[in-house]
C-alpha atoms as a PDB file:
ATOM      1  CA  UNK A   1      -8.991   8.118  -7.705  1.00  0.00           C
ATOM      2  CA  UNK A   2     -10.319   8.541  -4.172  1.00  0.00           C
ATOM      3  CA  UNK A   3     -12.831   5.731  -4.727  1.00  0.00           C
ATOM      4  CA  UNK A   4     -10.058   3.431  -5.941  1.00  0.00           C
ATOM      5  CA  UNK A   5      -8.025   4.261  -2.830  1.00  0.00           C
ATOM      6  CA  UNK A   6     -10.930   3.402  -0.540  1.00  0.00           C
ATOM      7  CA  UNK A   7     -11.540   0.135  -2.394  1.00  0.00           C
ATOM      8  CA  UNK A   8      -7.831  -0.717  -2.163  1.00  0.00           C
ATOM      9  CA  UNK A   9      -7.740  -0.156   1.619  1.00  0.00           C
ATOM     10  CA  UNK A  10     -10.504  -2.702   2.066  1.00  0.00           C
ATOM     11  CA  UNK A  11      -8.974  -5.342  -0.185  1.00  0.00           C
ATOM     12  CA  UNK A  12      -6.205  -7.938   0.112  1.00  0.00           C
ATOM     13  CA  UNK A  13      -4.216  -5.959  -2.477  1.00  0.00           C
ATOM     14  CA  UNK A  14      -3.245  -3.436   0.199  1.00  0.00           C
ATOM     15  CA  UNK A  15      -0.268  -5.570   1.266  1.00  0.00           C
ATOM     16  CA  UNK A  16       1.080  -5.262  -2.300  1.00  0.00           C
ATOM     17  CA  UNK A  17       1.315  -1.462  -2.118  1.00  0.00           C
ATOM     18  CA  UNK A  18       4.970  -0.447  -1.803  1.00  0.00           C
ATOM     19  CA  UNK A  19       7.017   2.720  -1.728  1.00  0.00           C
ATOM     20  CA  UNK A  20       9.704   3.239  -4.345  1.00  0.00           C
ATOM     21  CA  UNK A  21      13.209   2.400  -3.033  1.00  0.00           C
ATOM     22  CA  UNK A  22      14.737   5.483  -4.653  1.00  0.00           C
ATOM     23  CA  UNK A  23      15.440   7.797  -1.675  1.00  0.00           C
ATOM     24  CA  UNK A  24      14.553  10.832  -3.804  1.00  0.00           C
ATOM     25  CA  UNK A  25      11.167   9.395  -4.867  1.00  0.00           C
ATOM     26  CA  UNK A  26       8.110   9.127  -2.645  1.00  0.00           C
ATOM     27  CA  UNK A  27       5.726   7.420  -5.072  1.00  0.00           C
ATOM     28  CA  UNK A  28       3.630   4.448  -4.014  1.00  0.00           C
ATOM     29  CA  UNK A  29       2.891   1.659  -6.460  1.00  0.00           C
ATOM     30  CA  UNK A  30       1.014  -1.620  -6.602  1.00  0.00           C
ATOM     31  CA  UNK A  31       3.494  -4.480  -6.980  1.00  0.00           C
ATOM     32  CA  UNK A  32       1.797  -6.662  -9.566  1.00  0.00           C
ATOM     33  CA  UNK A  33       4.932  -8.641 -10.412  1.00  0.00           C
ATOM     34  CA  UNK A  34       4.710 -12.402 -10.179  1.00  0.00           C
ATOM     35  CA  UNK A  35       7.412 -12.755  -7.496  1.00  0.00           C
ATOM     36  CA  UNK A  36       6.257  -9.616  -5.590  1.00  0.00           C
ATOM     37  CA  UNK A  37       9.825  -8.309  -5.514  1.00  0.00           C
ATOM     38  CA  UNK A  38       9.471  -5.079  -7.489  1.00  0.00           C
ATOM     39  CA  UNK A  39      11.566  -2.279  -5.981  1.00  0.00           C
ATOM     40  CA  UNK A  40      10.928   0.852  -8.035  1.00  0.00           C
ATOM     41  CA  UNK A  41       7.881   2.798  -9.103  1.00  0.00           C
ATOM     42  CA  UNK A  42       8.933   2.357 -12.726  1.00  0.00           C
ATOM     43  CA  UNK A  43      11.881   1.040 -14.702  1.00  0.00           C
ATOM     44  CA  UNK A  44      11.624   4.082 -16.985  1.00  0.00           C
ATOM     45  CA  UNK A  45      12.067   6.362 -14.018  1.00  0.00           C
ATOM     46  CA  UNK A  46      13.798   5.183 -10.831  1.00  0.00           C
ATOM     47  CA  UNK A  47      14.754   1.626 -11.780  1.00  0.00           C
ATOM     48  CA  UNK A  48      16.831   2.730 -14.735  1.00  0.00           C
ATOM     49  CA  UNK A  49      18.620   5.382 -12.662  1.00  0.00           C
ATOM     50  CA  UNK A  50      19.444   2.833  -9.941  1.00  0.00           C
ATOM     51  CA  UNK A  51      20.761   0.303 -12.446  1.00  0.00           C
ATOM     52  CA  UNK A  52      22.932   2.941 -14.159  1.00  0.00           C
ATOM     53  CA  UNK A  53      24.353   4.052 -10.800  1.00  0.00           C
ATOM     54  CA  UNK A  54      25.134   0.439  -9.856  1.00  0.00           C
ATOM     55  CA  UNK A  55      26.834  -0.215 -13.187  1.00  0.00           C
ATOM     56  CA  UNK A  56      28.972   2.916 -12.915  1.00  0.00           C
ATOM     57  CA  UNK A  57      29.928   2.057  -9.341  1.00  0.00           C
ATOM     58  CA  UNK A  58      30.997  -1.458 -10.339  1.00  0.00           C
ATOM     59  CA  UNK A  59      32.899  -0.116 -13.354  1.00  0.00           C
ATOM     60  CA  UNK A  60      34.817   2.380 -11.190  1.00  0.00           C
ATOM     61  CA  UNK A  61      35.636  -0.345  -8.642  1.00  0.00           C
ATOM     62  CA  UNK A  62      36.954  -2.631 -11.388  1.00  0.00           C
ATOM     63  CA  UNK A  63      39.233   0.108 -12.754  1.00  0.00           C
ATOM     64  CA  UNK A  64      40.788   0.837  -9.330  1.00  0.00           C
ATOM     65  CA  UNK A  65      41.595  -2.803  -8.623  1.00  0.00           C
END
């Protein structure tokens, strides 16, 4: 793992390393998506939680209107 980290620092892939946007997660990940717009370390982990929270927030807002 250390060797891979050293190789990554010296490569153009370094600019594709991002930190997960979940404030409670500190994982780094390599954004290998085509558009380079990935936001979460994983959809199974933080992405799913963020999407559920957004859905619930929108649902609550629609009920109060």
